[in-house]
PDB file of all heavy atoms in Angstrom:
ATOM      1  N   SER A   1      -4.667   8.994   0.862  1.00  0.00           N
ATOM      2  CA  SER A   1      -5.089   7.707   0.325  1.00  0.00           C
ATOM      3  C   SER A   1      -5.265   6.629   1.385  1.00  0.00           C
ATOM      4  O   SER A   1      -6.136   5.762   1.243  1.00  0.00           O
ATOM      5  CB  SER A   1      -4.109   7.228  -0.744  1.00  0.00           C
ATOM      6  OG  SER A   1      -2.813   7.036  -0.198  1.00  0.00           O
ATOM      7  N   ARG A   2      -4.470   6.668   2.434  1.00  0.00           N
ATOM      8  CA  ARG A   2      -4.550   5.643   3.470  1.00  0.00           C
ATOM      9  C   ARG A   2      -5.274   6.113   4.728  1.00  0.00           C
ATOM     10  O   ARG A   2      -5.285   5.410   5.740  1.00  0.00           O
ATOM     11  CB  ARG A   2      -3.148   5.138   3.821  1.00  0.00           C
ATOM     12  CG  ARG A   2      -2.526   4.288   2.722  1.00  0.00           C
ATOM     13  CD  ARG A   2      -1.153   3.786   3.099  1.00  0.00           C
ATOM     14  NE  ARG A   2      -0.141   4.822   2.982  1.00  0.00           N
ATOM     15  CZ  ARG A   2       1.152   4.640   3.206  1.00  0.00           C
ATOM     16  NH1 ARG A   2       1.604   3.436   3.576  1.00  0.00           N
ATOM     17  NH2 ARG A   2       2.004   5.646   3.078  1.00  0.00           N
ATOM     18  N   ASN A   3      -5.896   7.257   4.654  1.00  0.00           N
ATOM     19  CA  ASN A   3      -6.599   7.823   5.801  1.00  0.00           C
ATOM     20  C   ASN A   3      -8.106   7.759   5.639  1.00  0.00           C
ATOM     21  O   ASN A   3      -8.633   8.033   4.555  1.00  0.00           O
ATOM     22  CB  ASN A   3      -6.196   9.282   6.008  1.00  0.00           C
ATOM     23  CG  ASN A   3      -4.814   9.437   6.576  1.00  0.00           C
ATOM     24  OD1 ASN A   3      -4.487   8.835   7.598  1.00  0.00           O
ATOM     25  ND2 ASN A   3      -3.996  10.246   5.930  1.00  0.00           N
ATOM     26  N   ALA A   4      -8.781   7.409   6.705  1.00  0.00           N
ATOM     27  CA  ALA A   4     -10.216   7.641   6.752  1.00  0.00           C
ATOM     28  C   ALA A   4     -10.435   9.142   6.898  1.00  0.00           C
ATOM     29  O   ALA A   4      -9.756   9.797   7.690  1.00  0.00           O
ATOM     30  CB  ALA A   4     -10.850   6.895   7.915  1.00  0.00           C
ATOM     31  N   MET A   5     -11.356   9.676   6.122  1.00  0.00           N
ATOM     32  CA  MET A   5     -11.607  11.107   6.126  1.00  0.00           C
ATOM     33  C   MET A   5     -13.037  11.403   6.542  1.00  0.00           C
ATOM     34  O   MET A   5     -13.923  10.547   6.454  1.00  0.00           O
ATOM     35  CB  MET A   5     -11.341  11.687   4.730  1.00  0.00           C
ATOM     36  CG  MET A   5      -9.909  11.544   4.260  1.00  0.00           C
ATOM     37  SD  MET A   5      -8.744  12.463   5.314  1.00  0.00           S
ATOM     38  CE  MET A   5      -9.326  14.149   5.088  1.00  0.00           C
ATOM     39  N   ALA A   6     -13.253  12.622   6.973  1.00  0.00           N
ATOM     40  CA  ALA A   6     -14.579  12.989   7.452  1.00  0.00           C
ATOM     41  C   ALA A   6     -14.865  14.454   7.203  1.00  0.00           C
ATOM     42  O   ALA A   6     -13.952  15.279   7.103  1.00  0.00           O
ATOM     43  CB  ALA A   6     -14.717  12.682   8.943  1.00  0.00           C
ATOM     44  N   TRP A   7     -16.146  14.752   7.108  1.00  0.00           N
ATOM     45  CA  TRP A   7     -16.647  16.117   7.111  1.00  0.00           C
ATOM     46  C   TRP A   7     -17.296  16.395   8.458  1.00  0.00           C
ATOM     47  O   TRP A   7     -18.030  15.552   8.991  1.00  0.00           O
ATOM     48  CB  TRP A   7     -17.663  16.346   5.991  1.00  0.00           C
ATOM     49  CG  TRP A   7     -17.046  16.482   4.637  1.00  0.00           C
ATOM     50  CD1 TRP A   7     -16.867  15.505   3.707  1.00  0.00           C
ATOM     51  CD2 TRP A   7     -16.538  17.689   4.058  1.00  0.00           C
ATOM     52  NE1 TRP A   7     -16.282  16.021   2.580  1.00  0.00           N
ATOM     53  CE2 TRP A   7     -16.059  17.353   2.772  1.00  0.00           C
ATOM     54  CE3 TRP A   7     -16.434  19.008   4.497  1.00  0.00           C
ATOM     55  CZ2 TRP A   7     -15.494  18.305   1.913  1.00  0.00           C
ATOM     56  CZ3 TRP A   7     -15.868  19.951   3.655  1.00  0.00           C
ATOM     57  CH2 TRP A   7     -15.406  19.595   2.380  1.00  0.00           C
ATOM     58  N   TYR A   8     -17.032  17.566   8.984  1.00  0.00           N
ATOM     59  CA  TYR A   8     -17.617  18.046  10.213  1.00  0.00           C
ATOM     60  C   TYR A   8     -18.302  19.373   9.941  1.00  0.00           C
ATOM     61  O   TYR A   8     -18.018  20.034   8.949  1.00  0.00           O
ATOM     62  CB  TYR A   8     -16.554  18.247  11.296  1.00  0.00           C
ATOM     63  CG  TYR A   8     -15.689  17.034  11.576  1.00  0.00           C
ATOM     64  CD1 TYR A   8     -14.608  16.724  10.757  1.00  0.00           C
ATOM     65  CD2 TYR A   8     -15.946  16.209  12.669  1.00  0.00           C
ATOM     66  CE1 TYR A   8     -13.808  15.617  11.017  1.00  0.00           C
ATOM     67  CE2 TYR A   8     -15.150  15.115  12.935  1.00  0.00           C
ATOM     68  CZ  TYR A   8     -14.081  14.824  12.110  1.00  0.00           C
ATOM     69  OH  TYR A   8     -13.289  13.730  12.373  1.00  0.00           O
ATOM     70  N   ARG A   9     -19.177  19.772  10.839  1.00  0.00           N
ATOM     71  CA  ARG A   9     -19.787  21.084  10.710  1.00  0.00           C
ATOM     72  C   ARG A   9     -20.016  21.693  12.079  1.00  0.00           C
ATOM     73  O   ARG A   9     -20.152  20.983  13.078  1.00  0.00           O
ATOM     74  CB  ARG A   9     -21.104  21.030   9.931  1.00  0.00           C
ATOM     75  CG  ARG A   9     -22.245  20.301  10.644  1.00  0.00           C
ATOM     76  CD  ARG A   9     -23.450  20.191   9.729  1.00  0.00           C
ATOM     77  NE  ARG A   9     -24.570  19.528  10.371  1.00  0.00           N
ATOM     78  CZ  ARG A   9     -25.690  19.180   9.748  1.00  0.00           C
ATOM     79  NH1 ARG A   9     -25.836  19.451   8.451  1.00  0.00           N
ATOM     80  NH2 ARG A   9     -26.668  18.584  10.411  1.00  0.00           N
ATOM     81  N   GLN A  10     -20.044  23.002  12.099  1.00  0.00           N
ATOM     82  CA  GLN A  10     -20.291  23.729  13.332  1.00  0.00           C
ATOM     83  C   GLN A  10     -21.240  24.879  13.051  1.00  0.00           C
ATOM     84  O   GLN A  10     -20.926  25.784  12.275  1.00  0.00           O
ATOM     85  CB  GLN A  10     -18.991  24.252  13.941  1.00  0.00           C
ATOM     86  CG  GLN A  10     -19.166  24.874  15.308  1.00  0.00           C
ATOM     87  CD  GLN A  10     -17.845  25.093  16.023  1.00  0.00           C
ATOM     88  OE1 GLN A  10     -16.802  25.246  15.392  1.00  0.00           O
ATOM     89  NE2 GLN A  10     -17.884  25.096  17.338  1.00  0.00           N
ATOM     90  N   ALA A  11     -22.401  24.826  13.666  1.00  0.00           N
ATOM     91  CA  ALA A  11     -23.395  25.873  13.544  1.00  0.00           C
ATOM     92  C   ALA A  11     -23.233  26.852  14.700  1.00  0.00           C
ATOM     93  O   ALA A  11     -22.682  26.502  15.751  1.00  0.00           O
ATOM     94  CB  ALA A  11     -24.795  25.278  13.547  1.00  0.00           C
ATOM     95  N   PRO A  12     -23.715  28.084  14.540  1.00  0.00           N
ATOM     96  CA  PRO A  12     -23.618  29.064  15.623  1.00  0.00           C
ATOM     97  C   PRO A  12     -24.238  28.548  16.912  1.00  0.00           C
ATOM     98  O   PRO A  12     -25.360  28.034  16.912  1.00  0.00           O
ATOM     99  CB  PRO A  12     -24.393  30.265  15.080  1.00  0.00           C
ATOM    100  CG  PRO A  12     -24.275  30.142  13.598  1.00  0.00           C
ATOM    101  CD  PRO A  12     -24.327  28.664  13.332  1.00  0.00           C
ATOM    102  N   GLY A  13     -23.501  28.649  18.004  1.00  0.00           N
ATOM    103  CA  GLY A  13     -23.997  28.210  19.293  1.00  0.00           C
ATOM    104  C   GLY A  13     -23.946  26.719  19.522  1.00  0.00           C
ATOM    105  O   GLY A  13     -24.421  26.251  20.563  1.00  0.00           O
ATOM    106  N   LYS A  14     -23.394  25.976  18.591  1.00  0.00           N
ATOM    107  CA  LYS A  14     -23.317  24.530  18.726  1.00  0.00           C
ATOM    108  C   LYS A  14     -21.873  24.048  18.638  1.00  0.00           C
ATOM    109  O   LYS A  14     -21.006  24.738  18.117  1.00  0.00           O
ATOM    110  CB  LYS A  14     -24.147  23.836  17.647  1.00  0.00           C
ATOM    111  CG  LYS A  14     -25.644  24.004  17.779  1.00  0.00           C
ATOM    112  CD  LYS A  14     -26.371  23.137  16.769  1.00  0.00           C
ATOM    113  CE  LYS A  14     -27.866  23.175  16.959  1.00  0.00           C
ATOM    114  NZ  LYS A  14     -28.559  22.281  15.997  1.00  0.00           N
ATOM    115  N   GLN A  15     -21.643  22.850  19.156  1.00  0.00           N
ATOM    116  CA  GLN A  15     -20.340  22.226  19.043  1.00  0.00           C
ATOM    117  C   GLN A  15     -20.156  21.625  17.655  1.00  0.00           C
ATOM    118  O   GLN A  15     -21.128  21.331  16.957  1.00  0.00           O
ATOM    119  CB  GLN A  15     -20.173  21.131  20.097  1.00  0.00           C
ATOM    120  CG  GLN A  15     -20.087  21.636  21.524  1.00  0.00           C
ATOM    121  CD  GLN A  15     -19.756  20.538  22.502  1.00  0.00           C
ATOM    122  OE1 GLN A  15     -20.309  19.443  22.426  1.00  0.00           O
ATOM    123  NE2 GLN A  15     -18.849  20.823  23.419  1.00  0.00           N
ATOM    124  N   ARG A  16     -18.910  21.448  17.272  1.00  0.00           N
ATOM    125  CA  ARG A  16     -18.608  20.808  16.004  1.00  0.00           C
ATOM    126  C   ARG A  16     -19.086  19.357  16.045  1.00  0.00           C
ATOM    127  O   ARG A  16     -18.877  18.649  17.032  1.00  0.00           O
ATOM    128  CB  ARG A  16     -17.108  20.879  15.729  1.00  0.00           C
ATOM    129  CG  ARG A  16     -16.697  20.324  14.386  1.00  0.00           C
ATOM    130  CD  ARG A  16     -15.350  20.883  13.935  1.00  0.00           C
ATOM    131  NE  ARG A  16     -14.394  20.961  15.027  1.00  0.00           N
ATOM    132  CZ  ARG A  16     -13.526  21.942  15.202  1.00  0.00           C
ATOM    133  NH1 ARG A  16     -13.495  22.958  14.345  1.00  0.00           N
ATOM    134  NH2 ARG A  16     -12.688  21.928  16.220  1.00  0.00           N
ATOM    135  N   GLU A  17     -19.734  18.913  14.987  1.00  0.00           N
ATOM    136  CA  GLU A  17     -20.264  17.570  14.928  1.00  0.00           C
ATOM    137  C   GLU A  17     -19.808  16.848  13.671  1.00  0.00           C
ATOM    138  O   GLU A  17     -19.554  17.458  12.636  1.00  0.00           O
ATOM    139  CB  GLU A  17     -21.798  17.579  14.980  1.00  0.00           C
ATOM    140  CG  GLU A  17     -22.459  18.247  13.784  1.00  0.00           C
ATOM    141  CD  GLU A  17     -23.969  18.118  13.780  1.00  0.00           C
ATOM    142  OE1 GLU A  17     -24.496  17.193  14.432  1.00  0.00           O
ATOM    143  OE2 GLU A  17     -24.631  18.950  13.124  1.00  0.00           O
ATOM    144  N   LEU A  18     -19.718  15.537  13.773  1.00  0.00           N
ATOM    145  CA  LEU A  18     -19.364  14.703  12.634  1.00  0.00           C
ATOM    146  C   LEU A  18     -20.558  14.567  11.711  1.00  0.00           C
ATOM    147  O   LEU A  18     -21.660  14.226  12.151  1.00  0.00           O
ATOM    148  CB  LEU A  18     -18.906  13.328  13.120  1.00  0.00           C
ATOM    149  CG  LEU A  18     -18.531  12.310  12.048  1.00  0.00           C
ATOM    150  CD1 LEU A  18     -17.272  12.753  11.307  1.00  0.00           C
ATOM    151  CD2 LEU A  18     -18.313  10.938  12.681  1.00  0.00           C
ATOM    152  N   VAL A  19     -20.339  14.818  10.441  1.00  0.00           N
ATOM    153  CA  VAL A  19     -21.396  14.747   9.444  1.00  0.00           C
ATOM    154  C   VAL A  19     -21.330  13.446   8.657  1.00  0.00           C
ATOM    155  O   VAL A  19     -22.335  12.756   8.479  1.00  0.00           O
ATOM    156  CB  VAL A  19     -21.325  15.944   8.476  1.00  0.00           C
ATOM    157  CG1 VAL A  19     -22.362  15.808   7.356  1.00  0.00           C
ATOM    158  CG2 VAL A  19     -21.528  17.247   9.241  1.00  0.00           C
ATOM    159  N   ALA A  20     -20.144  13.118   8.161  1.00  0.00           N
ATOM    160  CA  ALA A  20     -19.968  11.931   7.330  1.00  0.00           C
ATOM    161  C   ALA A  20     -18.512  11.523   7.339  1.00  0.00           C
ATOM    162  O   ALA A  20     -17.624  12.357   7.517  1.00  0.00           O
ATOM    163  CB  ALA A  20     -20.433  12.191   5.896  1.00  0.00           C
ATOM    164  N   SER A  21     -18.259  10.248   7.143  1.00  0.00           N
ATOM    165  CA  SER A  21     -16.893   9.746   7.082  1.00  0.00           C
ATOM    166  C   SER A  21     -16.770   8.708   5.982  1.00  0.00           C
ATOM    167  O   SER A  21     -17.758   8.091   5.574  1.00  0.00           O
ATOM    168  CB  SER A  21     -16.453   9.158   8.423  1.00  0.00           C
ATOM    169  OG  SER A  21     -17.232   8.028   8.764  1.00  0.00           O
ATOM    170  N   ILE A  22     -15.541   8.525   5.517  1.00  0.00           N
ATOM    171  CA  ILE A  22     -15.266   7.527   4.500  1.00  0.00           C
ATOM    172  C   ILE A  22     -13.885   6.944   4.763  1.00  0.00           C
ATOM    173  O   ILE A  22     -12.917   7.672   4.976  1.00  0.00           O
ATOM    174  CB  ILE A  22     -15.363   8.128   3.071  1.00  0.00           C
ATOM    175  CG1 ILE A  22     -15.122   7.049   2.016  1.00  0.00           C
ATOM    176  CG2 ILE A  22     -14.402   9.306   2.902  1.00  0.00           C
ATOM    177  CD1 ILE A  22     -15.493   7.502   0.610  1.00  0.00           C
ATOM    178  N   THR A  23     -13.792   5.619   4.780  1.00  0.00           N
ATOM    179  CA  THR A  23     -12.529   4.955   5.042  1.00  0.00           C
ATOM    180  C   THR A  23     -11.732   4.804   3.758  1.00  0.00           C
ATOM    181  O   THR A  23     -12.209   5.072   2.660  1.00  0.00           O
ATOM    182  CB  THR A  23     -12.750   3.572   5.661  1.00  0.00           C
ATOM    183  OG1 THR A  23     -13.352   2.705   4.681  1.00  0.00           O
ATOM    184  CG2 THR A  23     -13.642   3.654   6.888  1.00  0.00           C
ATOM    185  N   ALA A  24     -10.481   4.341   3.913  1.00  0.00           N
ATOM    186  CA  ALA A  24      -9.655   4.073   2.744  1.00  0.00           C
ATOM    187  C   ALA A  24     -10.273   3.001   1.862  1.00  0.00           C
ATOM    188  O   ALA A  24     -10.062   2.993   0.648  1.00  0.00           O
ATOM    189  CB  ALA A  24      -8.249   3.661   3.180  1.00  0.00           C
ATOM    190  N   GLY A  25     -11.032   2.097   2.467  1.00  0.00           N
ATOM    191  CA  GLY A  25     -11.728   1.057   1.730  1.00  0.00           C
ATOM    192  C   GLY A  25     -13.095   1.472   1.238  1.00  0.00           C
ATOM    193  O   GLY A  25     -13.860   0.619   0.778  1.00  0.00           O
ATOM    194  N   LEU A  26     -13.429   2.755   1.348  1.00  0.00           N
ATOM    195  CA  LEU A  26     -14.659   3.358   0.828  1.00  0.00           C
ATOM    196  C   LEU A  26     -15.902   3.004   1.641  1.00  0.00           C
ATOM    197  O   LEU A  26     -17.025   3.166   1.162  1.00  0.00           O
ATOM    198  CB  LEU A  26     -14.871   2.998  -0.644  1.00  0.00           C
ATOM    199  CG  LEU A  26     -13.730   3.372  -1.599  1.00  0.00           C
ATOM    200  CD1 LEU A  26     -14.101   3.027  -3.033  1.00  0.00           C
ATOM    201  CD2 LEU A  26     -13.388   4.850  -1.465  1.00  0.00           C
ATOM    202  N   ARG A  27     -15.712   2.557   2.854  1.00  0.00           N
ATOM    203  CA  ARG A  27     -16.847   2.389   3.754  1.00  0.00           C
ATOM    204  C   ARG A  27     -17.280   3.761   4.247  1.00  0.00           C
ATOM    205  O   ARG A  27     -16.448   4.582   4.632  1.00  0.00           O
ATOM    206  CB  ARG A  27     -16.467   1.496   4.928  1.00  0.00           C
ATOM    207  CG  ARG A  27     -17.567   1.284   5.953  1.00  0.00           C
ATOM    208  CD  ARG A  27     -17.067   0.394   7.075  1.00  0.00           C
ATOM    209  NE  ARG A  27     -16.756  -0.951   6.585  1.00  0.00           N
ATOM    210  CZ  ARG A  27     -16.049  -1.842   7.254  1.00  0.00           C
ATOM    211  NH1 ARG A  27     -15.549  -1.540   8.444  1.00  0.00           N
ATOM    212  NH2 ARG A  27     -15.821  -3.038   6.738  1.00  0.00           N
ATOM    213  N   THR A  28     -18.577   4.020   4.234  1.00  0.00           N
ATOM    214  CA  THR A  28     -19.088   5.334   4.606  1.00  0.00           C
ATOM    215  C   THR A  28     -20.006   5.256   5.811  1.00  0.00           C
ATOM    216  O   THR A  28     -20.602   4.215   6.105  1.00  0.00           O
ATOM    217  CB  THR A  28     -19.848   5.990   3.442  1.00  0.00           C
ATOM    218  OG1 THR A  28     -20.939   5.149   3.049  1.00  0.00           O
ATOM    219  CG2 THR A  28     -18.930   6.199   2.253  1.00  0.00           C
TER     220      THR A  28
END
């Protein structure tokens, strides 16, 4: 509830990248 959260993804041959994030205050 008090953490900003995020989705990441990693494709074959690529580094993990940030896809989307959302703060506790619902900022995306």
